[in-house]
PDB file of N, CA and C in Angstrom:
ATOM      1  N   MET A   1       0.840  -1.173   0.000  1.00  0.00           N
ATOM      2  CA  MET A   1       0.000   0.000   0.000  1.00  0.00           C
ATOM      3  C   MET A   1       0.890   1.243   0.000  1.00  0.00           C
ATOM      4  N   SER A   2       0.545   2.216  -0.806  1.00  0.00           N
ATOM      5  CA  SER A   2       1.370   3.411  -0.898  1.00  0.00           C
ATOM      6  C   SER A   2       1.132   4.348   0.284  1.00  0.00           C
ATOM      7  N   GLU A   3       2.182   5.084   0.612  1.00  0.00           N
ATOM      8  CA  GLU A   3       2.109   6.024   1.723  1.00  0.00           C
ATOM      9  C   GLU A   3       1.275   7.235   1.328  1.00  0.00           C
ATOM     10  N   LYS A   4       0.424   7.699   2.239  1.00  0.00           N
ATOM     11  CA  LYS A   4      -0.408   8.873   1.963  1.00  0.00           C
ATOM     12  C   LYS A   4       0.429  10.127   2.049  1.00  0.00           C
ATOM     13  N   LYS A   5       0.152  11.072   1.168  1.00  0.00           N
ATOM     14  CA  LYS A   5       0.850  12.354   1.132  1.00  0.00           C
ATOM     15  C   LYS A   5      -0.149  13.471   1.409  1.00  0.00           C
ATOM     16  N   GLN A   6       0.336  14.567   1.936  1.00  0.00           N
ATOM     17  CA  GLN A   6      -0.518  15.702   2.240  1.00  0.00           C
ATOM     18  C   GLN A   6      -0.252  16.818   1.255  1.00  0.00           C
ATOM     19  N   ILE A   7      -1.324  17.474   0.827  1.00  0.00           N
ATOM     20  CA  ILE A   7      -1.228  18.634  -0.050  1.00  0.00           C
ATOM     21  C   ILE A   7      -1.929  19.785   0.652  1.00  0.00           C
ATOM     22  N   LYS A   8      -1.271  20.947   0.662  1.00  0.00           N
ATOM     23  CA  LYS A   8      -1.861  22.135   1.285  1.00  0.00           C
ATOM     24  C   LYS A   8      -1.987  23.233   0.243  1.00  0.00           C
ATOM     25  N   PHE A   9      -3.014  24.053   0.394  1.00  0.00           N
ATOM     26  CA  PHE A   9      -3.124  25.258  -0.412  1.00  0.00           C
ATOM     27  C   PHE A   9      -3.833  26.312   0.413  1.00  0.00           C
ATOM     28  N   TYR A  10      -3.651  27.549   0.031  1.00  0.00           N
ATOM     29  CA  TYR A  10      -4.205  28.663   0.779  1.00  0.00           C
ATOM     30  C   TYR A  10      -5.302  29.351  -0.002  1.00  0.00           C
ATOM     31  N   VAL A  11      -6.321  29.806   0.732  1.00  0.00           N
ATOM     32  CA  VAL A  11      -7.428  30.550   0.129  1.00  0.00           C
ATOM     33  C   VAL A  11      -7.703  31.763   1.015  1.00  0.00           C
ATOM     34  N   ASN A  12      -8.352  32.772   0.436  1.00  0.00           N
ATOM     35  CA  ASN A  12      -8.737  33.906   1.263  1.00  0.00           C
ATOM     36  C   ASN A  12     -10.045  33.564   1.985  1.00  0.00           C
ATOM     37  N   GLU A  13     -10.508  34.458   2.853  1.00  0.00           N
ATOM     38  CA  GLU A  13     -11.694  34.172   3.662  1.00  0.00           C
ATOM     39  C   GLU A  13     -12.936  33.937   2.811  1.00  0.00           C
ATOM     40  N   GLU A  14     -13.100  34.745   1.766  1.00  0.00           N
ATOM     41  CA  GLU A  14     -14.263  34.586   0.883  1.00  0.00           C
ATOM     42  C   GLU A  14     -14.245  33.227   0.183  1.00  0.00           C
ATOM     43  N   GLU A  15     -13.073  32.821  -0.283  1.00  0.00           N
ATOM     44  CA  GLU A  15     -12.947  31.511  -0.944  1.00  0.00           C
ATOM     45  C   GLU A  15     -13.205  30.383   0.039  1.00  0.00           C
ATOM     46  N   GLN A  16     -12.730  30.546   1.263  1.00  0.00           N
ATOM     47  CA  GLN A  16     -12.954  29.520   2.283  1.00  0.00           C
ATOM     48  C   GLN A  16     -14.442  29.347   2.567  1.00  0.00           C
ATOM     49  N   LEU A  17     -15.151  30.466   2.721  1.00  0.00           N
ATOM     50  CA  LEU A  17     -16.595  30.394   2.979  1.00  0.00           C
ATOM     51  C   LEU A  17     -17.325  29.742   1.811  1.00  0.00           C
ATOM     52  N   ARG A  18     -16.904  30.066   0.591  1.00  0.00           N
ATOM     53  CA  ARG A  18     -17.548  29.472  -0.584  1.00  0.00           C
ATOM     54  C   ARG A  18     -17.297  27.959  -0.631  1.00  0.00           C
ATOM     55  N   LEU A  19     -16.076  27.534  -0.349  1.00  0.00           N
ATOM     56  CA  LEU A  19     -15.774  26.096  -0.328  1.00  0.00           C
ATOM     57  C   LEU A  19     -16.596  25.383   0.742  1.00  0.00           C
ATOM     58  N   LYS A  20     -16.729  25.999   1.913  1.00  0.00           N
ATOM     59  CA  LYS A  20     -17.544  25.389   2.978  1.00  0.00           C
ATOM     60  C   LYS A  20     -18.995  25.257   2.534  1.00  0.00           C
ATOM     61  N   ARG A  21     -19.519  26.326   1.899  1.00  0.00           N
ATOM     62  CA  ARG A  21     -20.909  26.307   1.448  1.00  0.00           C
ATOM     63  C   ARG A  21     -21.118  25.239   0.373  1.00  0.00           C
ATOM     64  N   LEU A  22     -20.226  25.191  -0.607  1.00  0.00           N
ATOM     65  CA  LEU A  22     -20.364  24.217  -1.689  1.00  0.00           C
ATOM     66  C   LEU A  22     -20.242  22.785  -1.167  1.00  0.00           C
ATOM     67  N   ALA A  23     -19.323  22.567  -0.249  1.00  0.00           N
ATOM     68  CA  ALA A  23     -19.163  21.224   0.330  1.00  0.00           C
ATOM     69  C   ALA A  23     -20.394  20.833   1.135  1.00  0.00           C
ATOM     70  N   SER A  24     -20.899  21.764   1.939  1.00  0.00           N
ATOM     71  CA  SER A  24     -22.053  21.427   2.783  1.00  0.00           C
ATOM     72  C   SER A  24     -23.303  21.165   1.949  1.00  0.00           C
ATOM     73  N   LEU A  25     -23.436  21.838   0.810  1.00  0.00           N
ATOM     74  CA  LEU A  25     -24.583  21.586  -0.064  1.00  0.00           C
ATOM     75  C   LEU A  25     -24.579  20.154  -0.597  1.00  0.00           C
ATOM     76  N   ARG A  26     -23.424  19.534  -0.596  1.00  0.00           N
ATOM     77  CA  ARG A  26     -23.287  18.157  -1.084  1.00  0.00           C
ATOM     78  C   ARG A  26     -23.052  17.163   0.050  1.00  0.00           C
ATOM     79  N   TYR A  27     -23.216  17.642   1.297  1.00  0.00           N
ATOM     80  CA  TYR A  27     -23.001  16.800   2.476  1.00  0.00           C
ATOM     81  C   TYR A  27     -21.595  16.202   2.484  1.00  0.00           C
ATOM     82  N   MET A  28     -20.623  17.029   2.117  1.00  0.00           N
ATOM     83  CA  MET A  28     -19.222  16.601   2.075  1.00  0.00           C
ATOM     84  C   MET A  28     -18.405  17.531   2.961  1.00  0.00           C
ATOM     85  N   SER A  29     -17.243  17.043   3.391  1.00  0.00           N
ATOM     86  CA  SER A  29     -16.298  17.921   4.080  1.00  0.00           C
ATOM     87  C   SER A  29     -15.569  18.747   3.017  1.00  0.00           C
ATOM     88  N   VAL A  30     -14.955  19.836   3.435  1.00  0.00           N
ATOM     89  CA  VAL A  30     -14.209  20.663   2.481  1.00  0.00           C
ATOM     90  C   VAL A  30     -13.058  19.862   1.853  1.00  0.00           C
ATOM     91  N   PRO A  31     -12.257  19.116   2.640  1.00  0.00           N
ATOM     92  CA  PRO A  31     -11.190  18.333   2.014  1.00  0.00           C
ATOM     93  C   PRO A  31     -11.715  17.299   1.001  1.00  0.00           C
ATOM     94  N   ALA A  32     -12.809  16.615   1.346  1.00  0.00           N
ATOM     95  CA  ALA A  32     -13.371  15.623   0.419  1.00  0.00           C
ATOM     96  C   ALA A  32     -13.887  16.295  -0.851  1.00  0.00           C
ATOM     97  N   TYR A  33     -14.533  17.443  -0.697  1.00  0.00           N
ATOM     98  CA  TYR A  33     -15.059  18.170  -1.855  1.00  0.00           C
ATOM     99  C   TYR A  33     -13.926  18.643  -2.767  1.00  0.00           C
ATOM    100  N   THR A  34     -12.919  19.301  -2.180  1.00  0.00           N
ATOM    101  CA  THR A  34     -11.830  19.837  -3.005  1.00  0.00           C
ATOM    102  C   THR A  34     -11.030  18.716  -3.668  1.00  0.00           C
ATOM    103  N   LYS A  35     -10.844  17.608  -2.970  1.00  0.00           N
ATOM    104  CA  LYS A  35     -10.127  16.467  -3.566  1.00  0.00           C
ATOM    105  C   LYS A  35     -10.913  15.910  -4.743  1.00  0.00           C
ATOM    106  N   SER A  36     -12.221  15.754  -4.575  1.00  0.00           N
ATOM    107  CA  SER A  36     -13.064  15.234  -5.655  1.00  0.00           C
ATOM    108  C   SER A  36     -13.021  16.142  -6.874  1.00  0.00           C
ATOM    109  N   VAL A  37     -13.141  17.453  -6.652  1.00  0.00           N
ATOM    110  CA  VAL A  37     -13.123  18.407  -7.754  1.00  0.00           C
ATOM    111  C   VAL A  37     -11.758  18.389  -8.439  1.00  0.00           C
ATOM    112  N   ALA A  38     -10.674  18.379  -7.642  1.00  0.00           N
ATOM    113  CA  ALA A  38      -9.318  18.381  -8.200  1.00  0.00           C
ATOM    114  C   ALA A  38      -9.042  17.132  -9.030  1.00  0.00           C
ATOM    115  N   LEU A  39      -9.638  16.009  -8.637  1.00  0.00           N
ATOM    116  CA  LEU A  39      -9.423  14.754  -9.370  1.00  0.00           C
ATOM    117  C   LEU A  39     -10.406  14.570 -10.526  1.00  0.00           C
ATOM    118  N   GLY A  40     -11.244  15.563 -10.767  1.00  0.00           N
ATOM    119  CA  GLY A  40     -12.140  15.529 -11.915  1.00  0.00           C
ATOM    120  C   GLY A  40     -13.413  14.731 -11.734  1.00  0.00           C
ATOM    121  N   VAL A  41     -13.781  14.447 -10.491  1.00  0.00           N
ATOM    122  CA  VAL A  41     -15.034  13.731 -10.238  1.00  0.00           C
ATOM    123  C   VAL A  41     -16.192  14.632 -10.658  1.00  0.00           C
ATOM    124  N   GLN A  42     -17.149  14.090 -11.386  1.00  0.00           N
ATOM    125  CA  GLN A  42     -18.306  14.865 -11.824  1.00  0.00           C
ATOM    126  C   GLN A  42     -19.212  15.137 -10.627  1.00  0.00           C
ATOM    127  N   ILE A  43     -19.312  16.406 -10.248  1.00  0.00           N
ATOM    128  CA  ILE A  43     -20.168  16.807  -9.137  1.00  0.00           C
ATOM    129  C   ILE A  43     -21.202  17.761  -9.694  1.00  0.00           C
ATOM    130  N   HIS A  44     -22.464  17.440  -9.474  1.00  0.00           N
ATOM    131  CA  HIS A  44     -23.545  18.301  -9.951  1.00  0.00           C
ATOM    132  C   HIS A  44     -23.433  19.663  -9.291  1.00  0.00           C
ATOM    133  N   GLN A  45     -23.318  20.708 -10.087  1.00  0.00           N
ATOM    134  CA  GLN A  45     -23.205  22.061  -9.550  1.00  0.00           C
ATOM    135  C   GLN A  45     -24.587  22.576  -9.177  1.00  0.00           C
ATOM    136  N   VAL A  46     -24.725  23.019  -7.947  1.00  0.00           N
ATOM    137  CA  VAL A  46     -25.976  23.598  -7.494  1.00  0.00           C
ATOM    138  C   VAL A  46     -25.899  25.108  -7.653  1.00  0.00           C
ATOM    139  N   GLU A  47     -27.046  25.726  -7.799  1.00  0.00           N
ATOM    140  CA  GLU A  47     -27.080  27.173  -7.935  1.00  0.00           C
ATOM    141  C   GLU A  47     -26.961  27.801  -6.556  1.00  0.00           C
ATOM    142  N   GLU A  48     -26.001  28.692  -6.409  1.00  0.00           N
ATOM    143  CA  GLU A  48     -25.837  29.395  -5.146  1.00  0.00           C
ATOM    144  C   GLU A  48     -26.775  30.593  -5.128  1.00  0.00           C
ATOM    145  N   ILE A  49     -27.405  30.790  -3.999  1.00  0.00           N
ATOM    146  CA  ILE A  49     -28.314  31.921  -3.837  1.00  0.00           C
ATOM    147  C   ILE A  49     -27.769  32.792  -2.712  1.00  0.00           C
ATOM    148  N   TYR A  50     -27.586  34.057  -3.003  1.00  0.00           N
ATOM    149  CA  TYR A  50     -27.065  34.989  -2.010  1.00  0.00           C
ATOM    150  C   TYR A  50     -28.187  35.887  -1.516  1.00  0.00           C
ATOM    151  N   VAL A  51     -28.271  36.036  -0.222  1.00  0.00           N
ATOM    152  CA  VAL A  51     -29.252  36.919   0.379  1.00  0.00           C
ATOM    153  C   VAL A  51     -28.470  37.899   1.245  1.00  0.00           C
ATOM    154  N   GLU A  52     -28.587  39.185   0.921  1.00  0.00           N
ATOM    155  CA  GLU A  52     -27.850  40.193   1.667  1.00  0.00           C
ATOM    156  C   GLU A  52     -28.811  41.148   2.359  1.00  0.00           C
ATOM    157  N   ASN A  53     -28.687  41.222   3.678  1.00  0.00           N
ATOM    158  CA  ASN A  53     -29.451  42.184   4.484  1.00  0.00           C
ATOM    159  C   ASN A  53     -30.940  42.210   4.148  1.00  0.00           C
ATOM    160  N   LYS A  54     -31.514  41.060   3.949  1.00  0.00           N
ATOM    161  CA  LYS A  54     -32.954  40.975   3.691  1.00  0.00           C
ATOM    162  C   LYS A  54     -33.657  40.663   4.996  1.00  0.00           C
ATOM    163  N   ARG A  55     -34.759  41.339   5.223  1.00  0.00           N
ATOM    164  CA  ARG A  55     -35.572  41.060   6.400  1.00  0.00           C
ATOM    165  C   ARG A  55     -36.466  39.869   6.096  1.00  0.00           C
ATOM    166  N   ILE A  56     -36.609  39.022   7.072  1.00  0.00           N
ATOM    167  CA  ILE A  56     -37.478  37.855   6.927  1.00  0.00           C
ATOM    168  C   ILE A  56     -38.618  38.028   7.913  1.00  0.00           C
ATOM    169  N   ASP A  57     -39.854  37.992   7.403  1.00  0.00           N
ATOM    170  CA  ASP A  57     -40.974  38.154   8.328  1.00  0.00           C
ATOM    171  C   ASP A  57     -41.141  36.897   9.179  1.00  0.00           C
ATOM    172  N   ALA A  58     -41.928  37.012  10.233  1.00  0.00           N
ATOM    173  CA  ALA A  58     -42.042  35.954  11.245  1.00  0.00           C
ATOM    174  C   ALA A  58     -42.505  34.621  10.663  1.00  0.00           C
ATOM    175  N   SER A  59     -43.501  34.643   9.765  1.00  0.00           N
ATOM    176  CA  SER A  59     -44.006  33.377   9.214  1.00  0.00           C
ATOM    177  C   SER A  59     -42.956  32.714   8.314  1.00  0.00           C
ATOM    178  N   ASP A  60     -42.204  33.524   7.563  1.00  0.00           N
ATOM    179  CA  ASP A  60     -41.138  32.966   6.726  1.00  0.00           C
ATOM    180  C   ASP A  60     -40.022  32.382   7.587  1.00  0.00           C
ATOM    181  N   ARG A  61     -39.657  33.109   8.642  1.00  0.00           N
ATOM    182  CA  ARG A  61     -38.620  32.628   9.547  1.00  0.00           C
ATOM    183  C   ARG A  61     -39.048  31.305  10.187  1.00  0.00           C
ATOM    184  N   GLU A  62     -40.307  31.221  10.585  1.00  0.00           N
ATOM    185  CA  GLU A  62     -40.836  30.004  11.193  1.00  0.00           C
ATOM    186  C   GLU A  62     -40.734  28.820  10.226  1.00  0.00           C
ATOM    187  N   LEU A  63     -41.088  29.065   8.972  1.00  0.00           N
ATOM    188  CA  LEU A  63     -41.011  28.003   7.962  1.00  0.00           C
ATOM    189  C   LEU A  63     -39.564  27.559   7.753  1.00  0.00           C
ATOM    190  N   LEU A  64     -38.641  28.509   7.651  1.00  0.00           N
ATOM    191  CA  LEU A  64     -37.233  28.169   7.451  1.00  0.00           C
ATOM    192  C   LEU A  64     -36.662  27.422   8.654  1.00  0.00           C
ATOM    193  N   GLU A  65     -37.037  27.829   9.857  1.00  0.00           N
ATOM    194  CA  GLU A  65     -36.569  27.138  11.056  1.00  0.00           C
ATOM    195  C   GLU A  65     -37.104  25.712  11.107  1.00  0.00           C
ATOM    196  N   GLU A  66     -38.365  25.534  10.716  1.00  0.00           N
ATOM    197  CA  GLU A  66     -38.947  24.188  10.688  1.00  0.00           C
ATOM    198  C   GLU A  66     -38.232  23.313   9.667  1.00  0.00           C
ATOM    199  N   LEU A  67     -37.896  23.887   8.536  1.00  0.00           N
ATOM    200  CA  LEU A  67     -37.169  23.156   7.493  1.00  0.00           C
ATOM    201  C   LEU A  67     -35.826  22.663   8.025  1.00  0.00           C
ATOM    202  N   VAL A  68     -35.105  23.523   8.727  1.00  0.00           N
ATOM    203  CA  VAL A  68     -33.816  23.154   9.307  1.00  0.00           C
ATOM    204  C   VAL A  68     -34.004  22.089  10.383  1.00  0.00           C
ATOM    205  N   GLN A  69     -35.015  22.236  11.236  1.00  0.00           N
ATOM    206  CA  GLN A  69     -35.277  21.252  12.289  1.00  0.00           C
ATOM    207  C   GLN A  69     -35.574  19.876  11.697  1.00  0.00           C
ATOM    208  N   ARG A  70     -36.412  19.843  10.667  1.00  0.00           N
ATOM    209  CA  ARG A  70     -36.765  18.565  10.042  1.00  0.00           C
ATOM    210  C   ARG A  70     -35.532  17.887   9.465  1.00  0.00           C
ATOM    211  N   GLU A  71     -34.640  18.663   8.871  1.00  0.00           N
ATOM    212  CA  GLU A  71     -33.432  18.094   8.272  1.00  0.00           C
ATOM    213  C   GLU A  71     -32.486  17.586   9.352  1.00  0.00           C
ATOM    214  N   GLN A  72     -32.370  18.301  10.456  1.00  0.00           N
ATOM    215  CA  GLN A  72     -31.425  17.939  11.508  1.00  0.00           C
ATOM    216  C   GLN A  72     -31.834  16.695  12.277  1.00  0.00           C
ATOM    217  N   LYS A  73     -33.112  16.425  12.349  1.00  0.00           N
ATOM    218  CA  LYS A  73     -33.577  15.287  13.144  1.00  0.00           C
ATOM    219  C   LYS A  73     -33.122  13.945  12.573  1.00  0.00           C
ATOM    220  N   LYS A  74     -33.239  13.758  11.272  1.00  0.00           N
ATOM    221  CA  LYS A  74     -32.950  12.458  10.686  1.00  0.00           C
ATOM    222  C   LYS A  74     -31.965  12.526   9.522  1.00  0.00           C
ATOM    223  N   GLY A  75     -31.463  13.716   9.210  1.00  0.00           N
ATOM    224  CA  GLY A  75     -30.546  13.832   8.089  1.00  0.00           C
ATOM    225  C   GLY A  75     -31.260  13.988   6.756  1.00  0.00           C
ATOM    226  N   TYR A  76     -32.572  14.020   6.781  1.00  0.00           N
ATOM    227  CA  TYR A  76     -33.353  14.268   5.567  1.00  0.00           C
ATOM    228  C   TYR A  76     -34.595  15.045   5.968  1.00  0.00           C
ATOM    229  N   ILE A  77     -35.278  15.577   4.999  1.00  0.00           N
ATOM    230  CA  ILE A  77     -36.460  16.385   5.280  1.00  0.00           C
ATOM    231  C   ILE A  77     -37.707  15.531   5.107  1.00  0.00           C
ATOM    232  N   ARG A  78     -38.432  15.322   6.213  1.00  0.00           N
ATOM    233  CA  ARG A  78     -39.683  14.583   6.153  1.00  0.00           C
ATOM    234  C   ARG A  78     -40.748  15.527   5.603  1.00  0.00           C
ATOM    235  N   VAL A  79     -41.474  15.058   4.648  1.00  0.00           N
ATOM    236  CA  VAL A  79     -42.460  15.912   3.988  1.00  0.00           C
ATOM    237  C   VAL A  79     -43.869  15.436   4.323  1.00  0.00           C
ATOM    238  N   ASP A  80     -44.737  16.375   4.614  1.00  0.00           N
ATOM    239  CA  ASP A  80     -46.152  16.067   4.719  1.00  0.00           C
ATOM    240  C   ASP A  80     -46.888  17.077   3.855  1.00  0.00           C
ATOM    241  N   MET A  81     -48.128  16.823   3.554  1.00  0.00           N
ATOM    242  CA  MET A  81     -48.879  17.652   2.612  1.00  0.00           C
ATOM    243  C   MET A  81     -48.987  19.104   3.063  1.00  0.00           C
ATOM    244  N   GLU A  82     -49.293  19.333   4.338  1.00  0.00           N
ATOM    245  CA  GLU A  82     -49.457  20.699   4.835  1.00  0.00           C
ATOM    246  C   GLU A  82     -48.128  21.461   4.760  1.00  0.00           C
ATOM    247  N   PHE A  83     -47.050  20.800   5.152  1.00  0.00           N
ATOM    248  CA  PHE A  83     -45.734  21.439   5.100  1.00  0.00           C
ATOM    249  C   PHE A  83     -45.341  21.706   3.648  1.00  0.00           C
ATOM    250  N   ASN A  84     -45.600  20.769   2.783  1.00  0.00           N
ATOM    251  CA  ASN A  84     -45.309  20.923   1.357  1.00  0.00           C
ATOM    252  C   ASN A  84     -46.024  22.160   0.799  1.00  0.00           C
ATOM    253  N   GLU A  85     -47.283  22.329   1.135  1.00  0.00           N
ATOM    254  CA  GLU A  85     -48.055  23.472   0.647  1.00  0.00           C
ATOM    255  C   GLU A  85     -47.467  24.783   1.156  1.00  0.00           C
ATOM    256  N   ARG A  86     -47.103  24.831   2.442  1.00  0.00           N
ATOM    257  CA  ARG A  86     -46.490  26.039   2.996  1.00  0.00           C
ATOM    258  C   ARG A  86     -45.174  26.352   2.302  1.00  0.00           C
ATOM    259  N   LEU A  87     -44.389  25.339   2.020  1.00  0.00           N
ATOM    260  CA  LEU A  87     -43.109  25.524   1.348  1.00  0.00           C
ATOM    261  C   LEU A  87     -43.309  26.039  -0.085  1.00  0.00           C
ATOM    262  N   ILE A  88     -44.295  25.513  -0.779  1.00  0.00           N
ATOM    263  CA  ILE A  88     -44.596  25.961  -2.144  1.00  0.00           C
ATOM    264  C   ILE A  88     -45.059  27.412  -2.134  1.00  0.00           C
ATOM    265  N   GLN A  89     -45.921  27.787  -1.189  1.00  0.00           N
ATOM    266  CA  GLN A  89     -46.393  29.166  -1.090  1.00  0.00           C
ATOM    267  C   GLN A  89     -45.238  30.125  -0.787  1.00  0.00           C
ATOM    268  N   PHE A  90     -44.338  29.691   0.081  1.00  0.00           N
ATOM    269  CA  PHE A  90     -43.161  30.496   0.402  1.00  0.00           C
ATOM    270  C   PHE A  90     -42.314  30.713  -0.854  1.00  0.00           C
ATOM    271  N   ALA A  91     -42.077  29.648  -1.607  1.00  0.00           N
ATOM    272  CA  ALA A  91     -41.269  29.753  -2.829  1.00  0.00           C
ATOM    273  C   ALA A  91     -41.911  30.702  -3.832  1.00  0.00           C
ATOM    274  N   LYS A  92     -43.218  30.576  -4.016  1.00  0.00           N
ATOM    275  CA  LYS A  92     -43.929  31.457  -4.962  1.00  0.00           C
ATOM    276  C   LYS A  92     -43.816  32.913  -4.530  1.00  0.00           C
ATOM    277  N   LYS A  93     -43.978  33.153  -3.215  1.00  0.00           N
ATOM    278  CA  LYS A  93     -43.896  34.511  -2.696  1.00  0.00           C
ATOM    279  C   LYS A  93     -42.499  35.101  -2.921  1.00  0.00           C
ATOM    280  N   LYS A  94     -41.475  34.330  -2.652  1.00  0.00           N
ATOM    281  CA  LYS A  94     -40.113  34.818  -2.796  1.00  0.00           C
ATOM    282  C   LYS A  94     -39.735  35.028  -4.266  1.00  0.00           C
ATOM    283  N   LEU A  95     -40.235  34.169  -5.124  1.00  0.00           N
ATOM    284  CA  LEU A  95     -39.955  34.316  -6.563  1.00  0.00           C
ATOM    285  C   LEU A  95     -40.658  35.527  -7.156  1.00  0.00           C
ATOM    286  N   ALA A  96     -41.758  35.930  -6.551  1.00  0.00           N
ATOM    287  CA  ALA A  96     -42.519  37.089  -7.046  1.00  0.00           C
ATOM    288  C   ALA A  96     -41.866  38.412  -6.609  1.00  0.00           C
ATOM    289  N   GLU A  97     -41.015  38.366  -5.597  1.00  0.00           N
ATOM    290  CA  GLU A  97     -40.389  39.595  -5.087  1.00  0.00           C
ATOM    291  C   GLU A  97     -39.373  40.160  -6.062  1.00  0.00           C
TER     292      GLU A  97
END
């Protein structure tokens, strides 16, 4: 078995945050993500959405918090009809803005 080697590289703070975000969107660590990309593994690129200084009203915040809670409990988002409808209405509202 061959000996493992370490490779280091430096990024600025903005690049570091972007790598963390991209890795987390794929449920990967930053080292695993960067290694996969560097080795040419086909990774589906997701669209990044930036939100800057936007106010979130109470009902929207509640929906987003519930979404995060559902994901954290089991590692996936459990869907029910009522929650699905609220999520669709939220998406339509945000897309109309």
